[in-house]
Amino acid sequence: MLNTVLTVRAHEANSHQGRGWEQFTDRMIELVAAKPTRVVFVLWGRKAQNKLPLITQSHHAVVACAHPSPLSVRKFYGCRCFSQINRNLLDAGVDPIDWQIQDV
């Protein structure tokens, strides 16, 4: 998972949008998408889902749903994205992720 913009001012969503992060993260997505082995891309929210055209290889998997931010968390709940990620990992012959928070 990778945010489209990697920094923000505290409590100011998108405050560093348009400052060059988009070109950097687009290039990272292109490089990862060029991998010959399957990658599961997780696109949370509209800005991330707009990056879908950068994932050009059909052997990759994409899980897209609402962003878990306070603004859209209601849409995020119940989307089962973690189950979808694990299903795609299993399909690729990779062990699933244990998403449970471990007691410290």
C-alpha atoms as a PDB file:
ATOM      1  CA  MET A   1       0.000   0.000   0.000  1.00  0.00           C
ATOM      2  CA  LEU A   2       1.223   3.460  -0.902  1.00  0.00           C
ATOM      3  CA  ASN A   3      -0.495   6.812  -0.543  1.00  0.00           C
ATOM      4  CA  THR A   4      -0.596   8.938  -3.700  1.00  0.00           C
ATOM      5  CA  VAL A   5       0.826  11.860  -1.675  1.00  0.00           C
ATOM      6  CA  LEU A   6       3.274  10.807   1.019  1.00  0.00           C
ATOM      7  CA  THR A   7       3.168  13.814   3.361  1.00  0.00           C
ATOM      8  CA  VAL A   8       0.609  16.320   4.688  1.00  0.00           C
ATOM      9  CA  ARG A   9       0.509  19.120   7.220  1.00  0.00           C
ATOM     10  CA  ALA A  10      -1.060  17.919  10.464  1.00  0.00           C
ATOM     11  CA  HIS A  11      -4.862  17.879  10.266  1.00  0.00           C
ATOM     12  CA  GLU A  12      -4.871  19.233   6.671  1.00  0.00           C
ATOM     13  CA  ALA A  13      -5.824  16.454   4.260  1.00  0.00           C
ATOM     14  CA  ASN A  14      -4.254  16.844   0.807  1.00  0.00           C
ATOM     15  CA  SER A  15      -2.180  19.847   1.935  1.00  0.00           C
ATOM     16  CA  HIS A  16       0.857  18.576  -0.017  1.00  0.00           C
ATOM     17  CA  GLN A  17      -1.084  17.576  -3.117  1.00  0.00           C
ATOM     18  CA  GLY A  18       0.409  18.909  -6.348  1.00  0.00           C
ATOM     19  CA  ARG A  19       3.947  19.251  -4.966  1.00  0.00           C
ATOM     20  CA  GLY A  20       5.556  16.423  -6.880  1.00  0.00           C
ATOM     21  CA  TRP A  21       4.577  13.384  -4.829  1.00  0.00           C
ATOM     22  CA  GLU A  22       2.153  12.243  -7.522  1.00  0.00           C
ATOM     23  CA  GLN A  23       4.900  11.864 -10.130  1.00  0.00           C
ATOM     24  CA  PHE A  24       7.022   9.905  -7.652  1.00  0.00           C
ATOM     25  CA  THR A  25       4.244   7.556  -6.570  1.00  0.00           C
ATOM     26  CA  ASP A  26       3.059   7.096 -10.172  1.00  0.00           C
ATOM     27  CA  ARG A  27       6.568   5.965 -11.100  1.00  0.00           C
ATOM     28  CA  MET A  28       6.710   3.578  -8.132  1.00  0.00           C
ATOM     29  CA  ILE A  29       3.391   2.044  -9.202  1.00  0.00           C
ATOM     30  CA  GLU A  30       4.674   1.665 -12.782  1.00  0.00           C
ATOM     31  CA  LEU A  31       7.860  -0.040 -11.574  1.00  0.00           C
ATOM     32  CA  VAL A  32       6.003  -2.443  -9.301  1.00  0.00           C
ATOM     33  CA  ALA A  33       3.420  -3.121 -12.012  1.00  0.00           C
ATOM     34  CA  ALA A  34       6.255  -4.115 -14.369  1.00  0.00           C
ATOM     35  CA  LYS A  35       7.182  -7.045 -12.100  1.00  0.00           C
ATOM     36  CA  PRO A  36       6.692 -10.452 -13.720  1.00  0.00           C
ATOM     37  CA  THR A  37       5.366 -11.954 -10.473  1.00  0.00           C
ATOM     38  CA  ARG A  38       1.857 -11.270  -9.260  1.00  0.00           C
ATOM     39  CA  VAL A  39       1.316  -8.217  -7.065  1.00  0.00           C
ATOM     40  CA  VAL A  40      -1.867  -7.440  -5.156  1.00  0.00           C
ATOM     41  CA  PHE A  41      -2.521  -3.712  -5.461  1.00  0.00           C
ATOM     42  CA  VAL A  42      -4.796  -2.213  -2.801  1.00  0.00           C
ATOM     43  CA  LEU A  43      -6.549   0.931  -3.988  1.00  0.00           C
ATOM     44  CA  TRP A  44      -8.351   2.624  -1.121  1.00  0.00           C
ATOM     45  CA  GLY A  45     -10.339   5.680  -2.167  1.00  0.00           C
ATOM     46  CA  ARG A  46     -10.954   7.543  -5.402  1.00  0.00           C
ATOM     47  CA  LYS A  47      -7.470   9.067  -5.685  1.00  0.00           C
ATOM     48  CA  ALA A  48      -5.873   5.634  -5.452  1.00  0.00           C
ATOM     49  CA  GLN A  49      -8.414   4.110  -7.820  1.00  0.00           C
ATOM     50  CA  ASN A  50      -7.517   6.769 -10.387  1.00  0.00           C
ATOM     51  CA  LYS A  51      -4.095   5.046 -10.538  1.00  0.00           C
ATOM     52  CA  LEU A  52      -5.622   1.865 -11.989  1.00  0.00           C
ATOM     53  CA  PRO A  53      -4.487   2.702 -15.571  1.00  0.00           C
ATOM     54  CA  LEU A  54      -0.870   2.468 -14.343  1.00  0.00           C
ATOM     55  CA  ILE A  55      -1.387  -1.232 -13.562  1.00  0.00           C
ATOM     56  CA  THR A  56      -1.166  -2.580 -17.085  1.00  0.00           C
ATOM     57  CA  GLN A  57      -0.223  -6.244 -16.590  1.00  0.00           C
ATOM     58  CA  SER A  58      -3.189  -8.613 -16.385  1.00  0.00           C
ATOM     59  CA  HIS A  59      -1.494 -11.066 -14.012  1.00  0.00           C
ATOM     60  CA  HIS A  60      -1.714  -8.577 -11.136  1.00  0.00           C
ATOM     61  CA  ALA A  61      -4.688  -8.387  -8.792  1.00  0.00           C
ATOM     62  CA  VAL A  62      -6.428  -5.205  -7.700  1.00  0.00           C
ATOM     63  CA  VAL A  63      -8.543  -4.761  -4.580  1.00  0.00           C
ATOM     64  CA  ALA A  64     -10.423  -1.462  -4.652  1.00  0.00           C
ATOM     65  CA  CYS A  65     -12.748  -0.061  -2.020  1.00  0.00           C
ATOM     66  CA  ALA A  66     -13.466   3.056   0.022  1.00  0.00           C
ATOM     67  CA  HIS A  67     -10.662   4.666   2.034  1.00  0.00           C
ATOM     68  CA  PRO A  68     -10.812   3.900   5.785  1.00  0.00           C
ATOM     69  CA  SER A  69     -10.563   7.595   6.690  1.00  0.00           C
ATOM     70  CA  PRO A  70     -13.201   9.200   8.924  1.00  0.00           C
ATOM     71  CA  LEU A  71     -14.755  10.737   5.791  1.00  0.00           C
ATOM     72  CA  SER A  72     -15.630   7.396   4.190  1.00  0.00           C
ATOM     73  CA  VAL A  73     -15.210   4.770   6.885  1.00  0.00           C
ATOM     74  CA  ARG A  74     -18.893   3.760   6.637  1.00  0.00           C
ATOM     75  CA  LYS A  75     -18.302   2.623   3.057  1.00  0.00           C
ATOM     76  CA  PHE A  76     -15.078   0.893   4.117  1.00  0.00           C
ATOM     77  CA  TYR A  77     -16.736  -1.228   6.807  1.00  0.00           C
ATOM     78  CA  GLY A  78     -17.968  -4.469   5.320  1.00  0.00           C
ATOM     79  CA  CYS A  79     -16.002  -4.178   2.062  1.00  0.00           C
ATOM     80  CA  ARG A  80     -13.997  -7.294   3.042  1.00  0.00           C
ATOM     81  CA  CYS A  81     -10.868  -5.957   1.382  1.00  0.00           C
ATOM     82  CA  PHE A  82      -8.596  -7.936   3.715  1.00  0.00           C
ATOM     83  CA  SER A  83     -10.340 -11.166   2.734  1.00  0.00           C
ATOM     84  CA  GLN A  84     -10.006 -10.203  -0.927  1.00  0.00           C
ATOM     85  CA  ILE A  85      -6.291  -9.527  -0.480  1.00  0.00           C
ATOM     86  CA  ASN A  86      -5.784 -12.923   1.150  1.00  0.00           C
ATOM     87  CA  ARG A  87      -7.805 -14.679  -1.556  1.00  0.00           C
ATOM     88  CA  ASN A  88      -5.588 -13.090  -4.218  1.00  0.00           C
ATOM     89  CA  LEU A  89      -2.437 -14.062  -2.310  1.00  0.00           C
ATOM     90  CA  LEU A  90      -3.634 -17.664  -2.019  1.00  0.00           C
ATOM     91  CA  ASP A  91      -4.456 -17.707  -5.758  1.00  0.00           C
ATOM     92  CA  ALA A  92      -0.850 -16.650  -6.384  1.00  0.00           C
ATOM     93  CA  GLY A  93       0.492 -19.424  -4.147  1.00  0.00           C
ATOM     94  CA  VAL A  94       1.511 -16.998  -1.388  1.00  0.00           C
ATOM     95  CA  ASP A  95       0.636 -17.396   2.285  1.00  0.00           C
ATOM     96  CA  PRO A  96      -2.190 -15.134   3.422  1.00  0.00           C
ATOM     97  CA  ILE A  97      -1.599 -12.283   5.873  1.00  0.00           C
ATOM     98  CA  ASP A  98      -2.730 -12.630   9.490  1.00  0.00           C
ATOM     99  CA  TRP A  99      -4.531  -9.304   9.880  1.00  0.00           C
ATOM    100  CA  GLN A 100      -5.302  -9.728  13.583  1.00  0.00           C
ATOM    101  CA  ILE A 101      -3.665  -7.290  15.976  1.00  0.00           C
ATOM    102  CA  GLN A 102      -1.462  -9.220  18.353  1.00  0.00           C
ATOM    103  CA  ASP A 103      -1.563  -8.508  22.092  1.00  0.00           C
ATOM    104  CA  VAL A 104       1.638  -6.913  23.296  1.00  0.00           C
END
